[in-house]
């Protein structure tokens, strides 16, 4: 079921924008700016819905793109679905990866990505090759609790990079972003989450909940 979902996500993210009216200008893989009005962009791998950040799947060295949405859950409240879409390339089928984060963890995820330029500079100045910021438990696409962390990497050129590591059943999925794409991913995730929260009606008053028990 998970593989079917992820392949569907990849195809949807690649094709859904083709019917849109607005096309972004040339896609810049190193851009730090997210355009919420962009319906899709054209990349070397085809059209990608929205205005994604570019990432690298470290297990395959294939290029991927970010996609974010938010979905309500009756038990956990609003969840951010932060996804990586891997288009078909190098003779391999497309696929993807999804991380489901409750609001508090989602905001930590966003804040850490947004700090990437500052923390990469600190790491470089202090010769710290790599340091990690744990996000905490997140929700796997099949409902299992998983673990997510963001690692900041300082290289010899002082450009730095960001790794997102998601542990699934003891197996780590890792993706790498440049500093600017990390900032863009943060803006994309924040837009999806905060828009969904703003459009979600507040919970019914406690007295209404009590009355509803009479009709169960």
C-alpha atoms as a PDB file:
ATOM      1  CA  UNK A   1       0.000   0.000   0.000  1.00  0.00           C
ATOM      2  CA  UNK A   2       2.806   2.412   0.868  1.00  0.00           C
ATOM      3  CA  UNK A   3       4.557   1.855  -2.483  1.00  0.00           C
ATOM      4  CA  UNK A   4       1.302   2.402  -4.397  1.00  0.00           C
ATOM      5  CA  UNK A   5       0.699   5.636  -2.473  1.00  0.00           C
ATOM      6  CA  UNK A   6       4.200   6.935  -3.113  1.00  0.00           C
ATOM      7  CA  UNK A   7       4.107   6.109  -6.819  1.00  0.00           C
ATOM      8  CA  UNK A   8       0.736   7.835  -7.017  1.00  0.00           C
ATOM      9  CA  UNK A   9       2.192  10.838  -5.258  1.00  0.00           C
ATOM     10  CA  UNK A  10       5.071  10.979  -7.724  1.00  0.00           C
ATOM     11  CA  UNK A  11       2.815  10.745 -10.775  1.00  0.00           C
ATOM     12  CA  UNK A  12       0.366  13.270  -9.326  1.00  0.00           C
ATOM     13  CA  UNK A  13       3.073  15.755  -8.494  1.00  0.00           C
ATOM     14  CA  UNK A  14       4.570  15.374 -11.943  1.00  0.00           C
ATOM     15  CA  UNK A  15       1.350  15.635 -13.917  1.00  0.00           C
ATOM     16  CA  UNK A  16      -1.219  17.577 -11.921  1.00  0.00           C
ATOM     17  CA  UNK A  17       0.276  20.923 -12.883  1.00  0.00           C
ATOM     18  CA  UNK A  18       0.007  20.256 -16.596  1.00  0.00           C
ATOM     19  CA  UNK A  19      -3.565  21.542 -16.613  1.00  0.00           C
ATOM     20  CA  UNK A  20      -2.678  24.668 -14.625  1.00  0.00           C
ATOM     21  CA  UNK A  21      -2.645  28.131 -16.090  1.00  0.00           C
ATOM     22  CA  UNK A  22       0.511  29.467 -14.499  1.00  0.00           C
ATOM     23  CA  UNK A  23       3.971  28.164 -15.319  1.00  0.00           C
ATOM     24  CA  UNK A  24       6.983  29.333 -13.352  1.00  0.00           C
ATOM     25  CA  UNK A  25       9.899  30.727 -15.296  1.00  0.00           C
ATOM     26  CA  UNK A  26      13.082  28.661 -15.563  1.00  0.00           C
ATOM     27  CA  UNK A  27      13.406  26.468 -12.488  1.00  0.00           C
ATOM     28  CA  UNK A  28      16.376  27.441 -10.328  1.00  0.00           C
ATOM     29  CA  UNK A  29      17.524  24.410  -8.281  1.00  0.00           C
ATOM     30  CA  UNK A  30      19.464  26.686  -5.897  1.00  0.00           C
ATOM     31  CA  UNK A  31      16.679  29.172  -5.213  1.00  0.00           C
ATOM     32  CA  UNK A  32      15.773  30.048  -1.616  1.00  0.00           C
ATOM     33  CA  UNK A  33      12.510  31.751  -2.594  1.00  0.00           C
ATOM     34  CA  UNK A  34       9.176  29.915  -2.560  1.00  0.00           C
ATOM     35  CA  UNK A  35       6.332  31.212  -4.751  1.00  0.00           C
ATOM     36  CA  UNK A  36       2.961  30.017  -3.366  1.00  0.00           C
ATOM     37  CA  UNK A  37       1.217  31.250  -6.532  1.00  0.00           C
ATOM     38  CA  UNK A  38       3.205  28.983  -8.838  1.00  0.00           C
ATOM     39  CA  UNK A  39       1.063  26.073 -10.022  1.00  0.00           C
ATOM     40  CA  UNK A  40       3.949  24.114 -11.482  1.00  0.00           C
ATOM     41  CA  UNK A  41       7.486  24.397 -12.779  1.00  0.00           C
ATOM     42  CA  UNK A  42       9.288  22.745 -15.662  1.00  0.00           C
ATOM     43  CA  UNK A  43      12.366  20.740 -14.681  1.00  0.00           C
ATOM     44  CA  UNK A  44      14.654  18.476 -16.743  1.00  0.00           C
ATOM     45  CA  UNK A  45      12.422  15.603 -15.570  1.00  0.00           C
ATOM     46  CA  UNK A  46       9.095  17.157 -16.556  1.00  0.00           C
ATOM     47  CA  UNK A  47       6.498  19.340 -14.868  1.00  0.00           C
ATOM     48  CA  UNK A  48       6.427  19.326 -11.061  1.00  0.00           C
ATOM     49  CA  UNK A  49       3.395  20.650  -9.219  1.00  0.00           C
ATOM     50  CA  UNK A  50       3.865  23.797  -7.143  1.00  0.00           C
ATOM     51  CA  UNK A  51       7.232  25.459  -6.596  1.00  0.00           C
ATOM     52  CA  UNK A  52       9.438  22.717  -5.125  1.00  0.00           C
ATOM     53  CA  UNK A  53      12.903  22.637  -3.633  1.00  0.00           C
ATOM     54  CA  UNK A  54      15.362  20.249  -5.244  1.00  0.00           C
ATOM     55  CA  UNK A  55      16.885  17.425  -3.179  1.00  0.00           C
ATOM     56  CA  UNK A  56      19.119  14.403  -3.718  1.00  0.00           C
ATOM     57  CA  UNK A  57      18.132  10.915  -2.574  1.00  0.00           C
ATOM     58  CA  UNK A  58      21.376   9.787  -0.952  1.00  0.00           C
ATOM     59  CA  UNK A  59      20.561   6.089  -1.376  1.00  0.00           C
ATOM     60  CA  UNK A  60      20.407   6.361  -5.177  1.00  0.00           C
ATOM     61  CA  UNK A  61      21.935   9.781  -6.000  1.00  0.00           C
ATOM     62  CA  UNK A  62      18.749  10.544  -7.935  1.00  0.00           C
ATOM     63  CA  UNK A  63      17.212  14.012  -8.023  1.00  0.00           C
ATOM     64  CA  UNK A  64      13.953  14.625  -6.177  1.00  0.00           C
ATOM     65  CA  UNK A  65      11.611  17.514  -5.487  1.00  0.00           C
ATOM     66  CA  UNK A  66       9.647  18.556  -2.420  1.00  0.00           C
ATOM     67  CA  UNK A  67       5.871  18.652  -2.170  1.00  0.00           C
ATOM     68  CA  UNK A  68       3.861  19.651   0.910  1.00  0.00           C
ATOM     69  CA  UNK A  69       0.237  19.361   1.927  1.00  0.00           C
ATOM     70  CA  UNK A  70      -1.662  19.185   5.209  1.00  0.00           C
ATOM     71  CA  UNK A  71      -4.382  16.750   6.232  1.00  0.00           C
ATOM     72  CA  UNK A  72      -6.584  16.649   9.350  1.00  0.00           C
ATOM     73  CA  UNK A  73      -6.492  13.556  11.536  1.00  0.00           C
ATOM     74  CA  UNK A  74      -9.297  12.954  14.041  1.00  0.00           C
ATOM     75  CA  UNK A  75      -6.865  11.692  16.689  1.00  0.00           C
ATOM     76  CA  UNK A  76      -3.746  13.791  16.083  1.00  0.00           C
ATOM     77  CA  UNK A  77      -5.162  17.010  14.663  1.00  0.00           C
ATOM     78  CA  UNK A  78      -3.609  18.628  11.617  1.00  0.00           C
ATOM     79  CA  UNK A  79      -0.664  16.781  10.067  1.00  0.00           C
ATOM     80  CA  UNK A  80       1.898  18.185   7.657  1.00  0.00           C
ATOM     81  CA  UNK A  81       2.756  15.744   4.882  1.00  0.00           C
ATOM     82  CA  UNK A  82       6.263  16.702   3.776  1.00  0.00           C
ATOM     83  CA  UNK A  83       7.041  14.630   0.710  1.00  0.00           C
ATOM     84  CA  UNK A  84       9.919  13.962  -1.651  1.00  0.00           C
ATOM     85  CA  UNK A  85       8.920  13.169  -5.234  1.00  0.00           C
ATOM     86  CA  UNK A  86      11.496  11.187  -7.231  1.00  0.00           C
ATOM     87  CA  UNK A  87      10.775  11.452 -10.979  1.00  0.00           C
ATOM     88  CA  UNK A  88      11.601   8.582 -13.315  1.00  0.00           C
ATOM     89  CA  UNK A  89      15.255   8.928 -14.362  1.00  0.00           C
ATOM     90  CA  UNK A  90      18.324   6.909 -15.282  1.00  0.00           C
ATOM     91  CA  UNK A  91      16.105   4.074 -16.442  1.00  0.00           C
ATOM     92  CA  UNK A  92      14.438   3.716 -13.023  1.00  0.00           C
ATOM     93  CA  UNK A  93      10.761   4.236 -12.224  1.00  0.00           C
ATOM     94  CA  UNK A  94       9.659   7.245 -10.248  1.00  0.00           C
ATOM     95  CA  UNK A  95       8.760   7.016  -6.589  1.00  0.00           C
ATOM     96  CA  UNK A  96       8.745   9.087  -3.469  1.00  0.00           C
ATOM     97  CA  UNK A  97       8.844   9.367   0.273  1.00  0.00           C
ATOM     98  CA  UNK A  98       6.453  10.954   2.771  1.00  0.00           C
ATOM     99  CA  UNK A  99       6.842  12.222   6.335  1.00  0.00           C
ATOM    100  CA  UNK A 100       3.745  12.990   8.439  1.00  0.00           C
ATOM    101  CA  UNK A 101       4.359  15.544  11.198  1.00  0.00           C
ATOM    102  CA  UNK A 102       1.948  16.799  13.891  1.00  0.00           C
ATOM    103  CA  UNK A 103       1.812  20.587  14.232  1.00  0.00           C
ATOM    104  CA  UNK A 104       4.452  20.993  16.956  1.00  0.00           C
ATOM    105  CA  UNK A 105       6.981  18.741  15.232  1.00  0.00           C
ATOM    106  CA  UNK A 106       6.143  20.325  11.863  1.00  0.00           C
ATOM    107  CA  UNK A 107       6.965  23.766  13.221  1.00  0.00           C
ATOM    108  CA  UNK A 108      10.266  22.459  14.610  1.00  0.00           C
ATOM    109  CA  UNK A 109      11.031  20.938  11.210  1.00  0.00           C
ATOM    110  CA  UNK A 110      10.309  24.265   9.516  1.00  0.00           C
ATOM    111  CA  UNK A 111      12.328  26.291  12.052  1.00  0.00           C
ATOM    112  CA  UNK A 112      15.407  24.052  11.737  1.00  0.00           C
ATOM    113  CA  UNK A 113      15.363  24.172   7.947  1.00  0.00           C
ATOM    114  CA  UNK A 114      15.042  27.956   8.083  1.00  0.00           C
ATOM    115  CA  UNK A 115      18.112  28.187  10.344  1.00  0.00           C
ATOM    116  CA  UNK A 116      20.241  26.377   7.752  1.00  0.00           C
ATOM    117  CA  UNK A 117      22.228  29.438   6.535  1.00  0.00           C
ATOM    118  CA  UNK A 118      23.077  30.543  10.074  1.00  0.00           C
ATOM    119  CA  UNK A 119      23.928  27.100  11.406  1.00  0.00           C
ATOM    120  CA  UNK A 120      25.969  26.146   8.357  1.00  0.00           C
ATOM    121  CA  UNK A 121      28.049  29.305   8.867  1.00  0.00           C
ATOM    122  CA  UNK A 122      28.535  28.511  12.564  1.00  0.00           C
ATOM    123  CA  UNK A 123      29.599  24.960  11.683  1.00  0.00           C
ATOM    124  CA  UNK A 124      32.086  26.194   9.126  1.00  0.00           C
ATOM    125  CA  UNK A 125      33.595  28.873  11.379  1.00  0.00           C
ATOM    126  CA  UNK A 126      34.008  26.411  14.239  1.00  0.00           C
ATOM    127  CA  UNK A 127      35.134  23.500  12.057  1.00  0.00           C
ATOM    128  CA  UNK A 128      32.178  21.350  13.082  1.00  0.00           C
ATOM    129  CA  UNK A 129      31.815  18.907  10.216  1.00  0.00           C
ATOM    130  CA  UNK A 130      28.317  17.712  11.083  1.00  0.00           C
ATOM    131  CA  UNK A 131      25.750  18.256  13.795  1.00  0.00           C
ATOM    132  CA  UNK A 132      22.204  16.969  14.216  1.00  0.00           C
ATOM    133  CA  UNK A 133      18.897  18.422  15.399  1.00  0.00           C
ATOM    134  CA  UNK A 134      16.278  15.777  16.245  1.00  0.00           C
ATOM    135  CA  UNK A 135      12.675  16.536  15.333  1.00  0.00           C
ATOM    136  CA  UNK A 136      11.193  13.757  17.439  1.00  0.00           C
ATOM    137  CA  UNK A 137       8.520  11.227  16.620  1.00  0.00           C
ATOM    138  CA  UNK A 138       6.634  11.617  13.369  1.00  0.00           C
ATOM    139  CA  UNK A 139       3.903   9.512  11.822  1.00  0.00           C
ATOM    140  CA  UNK A 140       4.794   6.934   9.200  1.00  0.00           C
ATOM    141  CA  UNK A 141       2.482   6.706   6.186  1.00  0.00           C
ATOM    142  CA  UNK A 142       1.120   3.440   7.621  1.00  0.00           C
ATOM    143  CA  UNK A 143       0.512   4.942  11.060  1.00  0.00           C
ATOM    144  CA  UNK A 144       3.653   3.756  12.835  1.00  0.00           C
ATOM    145  CA  UNK A 145       5.718   6.126  14.961  1.00  0.00           C
ATOM    146  CA  UNK A 146       9.007   6.944  13.287  1.00  0.00           C
ATOM    147  CA  UNK A 147      11.921   9.261  13.954  1.00  0.00           C
ATOM    148  CA  UNK A 148      13.143  12.262  12.015  1.00  0.00           C
ATOM    149  CA  UNK A 149      16.255  14.400  12.304  1.00  0.00           C
ATOM    150  CA  UNK A 150      17.923  17.196  10.371  1.00  0.00           C
ATOM    151  CA  UNK A 151      21.700  17.231  10.043  1.00  0.00           C
ATOM    152  CA  UNK A 152      23.781  20.231   9.048  1.00  0.00           C
ATOM    153  CA  UNK A 153      26.956  19.518   7.135  1.00  0.00           C
ATOM    154  CA  UNK A 154      29.932  21.836   6.698  1.00  0.00           C
ATOM    155  CA  UNK A 155      32.192  21.187   3.712  1.00  0.00           C
ATOM    156  CA  UNK A 156      35.609  22.463   2.673  1.00  0.00           C
ATOM    157  CA  UNK A 157      34.071  25.143   0.455  1.00  0.00           C
ATOM    158  CA  UNK A 158      31.954  26.399   3.379  1.00  0.00           C
ATOM    159  CA  UNK A 159      28.811  26.122   1.273  1.00  0.00           C
ATOM    160  CA  UNK A 160      27.263  23.590   3.598  1.00  0.00           C
ATOM    161  CA  UNK A 161      24.277  21.325   3.080  1.00  0.00           C
ATOM    162  CA  UNK A 162      21.344  19.864   4.965  1.00  0.00           C
ATOM    163  CA  UNK A 163      20.414  16.213   5.345  1.00  0.00           C
ATOM    164  CA  UNK A 164      16.963  15.009   6.290  1.00  0.00           C
ATOM    165  CA  UNK A 165      17.107  11.546   7.851  1.00  0.00           C
ATOM    166  CA  UNK A 166      13.902   9.595   8.439  1.00  0.00           C
ATOM    167  CA  UNK A 167      14.097   6.265  10.256  1.00  0.00           C
ATOM    168  CA  UNK A 168      11.491   3.771   9.062  1.00  0.00           C
ATOM    169  CA  UNK A 169      11.441   0.369  10.748  1.00  0.00           C
ATOM    170  CA  UNK A 170      15.123   0.661  11.549  1.00  0.00           C
ATOM    171  CA  UNK A 171      16.008   1.706   7.991  1.00  0.00           C
ATOM    172  CA  UNK A 172      17.165   5.283   7.383  1.00  0.00           C
ATOM    173  CA  UNK A 173      16.019   7.228   4.337  1.00  0.00           C
ATOM    174  CA  UNK A 174      18.295  10.214   3.758  1.00  0.00           C
ATOM    175  CA  UNK A 175      17.956  13.220   1.488  1.00  0.00           C
ATOM    176  CA  UNK A 176      20.330  16.127   0.969  1.00  0.00           C
ATOM    177  CA  UNK A 177      19.524  19.747   0.147  1.00  0.00           C
ATOM    178  CA  UNK A 178      21.659  22.792  -0.447  1.00  0.00           C
ATOM    179  CA  UNK A 179      21.303  25.642   2.040  1.00  0.00           C
ATOM    180  CA  UNK A 180      19.019  27.706  -0.203  1.00  0.00           C
ATOM    181  CA  UNK A 181      16.713  24.787  -1.103  1.00  0.00           C
ATOM    182  CA  UNK A 182      16.402  24.018   2.626  1.00  0.00           C
ATOM    183  CA  UNK A 183      15.120  27.553   3.214  1.00  0.00           C
ATOM    184  CA  UNK A 184      12.717  27.153   0.302  1.00  0.00           C
ATOM    185  CA  UNK A 185      11.455  23.810   1.641  1.00  0.00           C
ATOM    186  CA  UNK A 186      10.782  25.510   4.982  1.00  0.00           C
ATOM    187  CA  UNK A 187       8.676  28.192   3.302  1.00  0.00           C
ATOM    188  CA  UNK A 188       6.791  25.602   1.251  1.00  0.00           C
ATOM    189  CA  UNK A 189       6.022  23.490   4.331  1.00  0.00           C
ATOM    190  CA  UNK A 190       5.003  26.502   6.399  1.00  0.00           C
ATOM    191  CA  UNK A 191       2.644  27.729   3.685  1.00  0.00           C
ATOM    192  CA  UNK A 192       0.913  24.329   3.441  1.00  0.00           C
ATOM    193  CA  UNK A 193       0.581  23.948   7.211  1.00  0.00           C
ATOM    194  CA  UNK A 194      -0.505  27.466   8.137  1.00  0.00           C
ATOM    195  CA  UNK A 195      -2.955  27.701   5.228  1.00  0.00           C
ATOM    196  CA  UNK A 196      -4.619  24.461   6.312  1.00  0.00           C
ATOM    197  CA  UNK A 197      -4.775  25.561   9.957  1.00  0.00           C
ATOM    198  CA  UNK A 198      -6.295  28.907   8.999  1.00  0.00           C
ATOM    199  CA  UNK A 199      -8.999  27.158   6.970  1.00  0.00           C
ATOM    200  CA  UNK A 200      -9.868  24.627   9.683  1.00  0.00           C
ATOM    201  CA  UNK A 201     -12.825  25.621  11.884  1.00  0.00           C
ATOM    202  CA  UNK A 202     -12.232  25.706  15.596  1.00  0.00           C
ATOM    203  CA  UNK A 203     -13.429  22.790  17.703  1.00  0.00           C
ATOM    204  CA  UNK A 204     -17.005  22.870  18.870  1.00  0.00           C
ATOM    205  CA  UNK A 205     -17.570  24.263  22.390  1.00  0.00           C
ATOM    206  CA  UNK A 206     -17.421  21.732  25.232  1.00  0.00           C
ATOM    207  CA  UNK A 207     -21.148  22.072  25.902  1.00  0.00           C
ATOM    208  CA  UNK A 208     -21.906  21.042  22.321  1.00  0.00           C
ATOM    209  CA  UNK A 209     -19.785  17.953  22.765  1.00  0.00           C
ATOM    210  CA  UNK A 210     -21.706  17.082  25.914  1.00  0.00           C
ATOM    211  CA  UNK A 211     -25.043  17.504  24.149  1.00  0.00           C
ATOM    212  CA  UNK A 212     -23.923  15.319  21.281  1.00  0.00           C
ATOM    213  CA  UNK A 213     -23.551  12.398  23.676  1.00  0.00           C
ATOM    214  CA  UNK A 214     -27.341  12.393  24.094  1.00  0.00           C
ATOM    215  CA  UNK A 215     -27.718  11.395  20.467  1.00  0.00           C
ATOM    216  CA  UNK A 216     -25.067   8.712  20.202  1.00  0.00           C
END
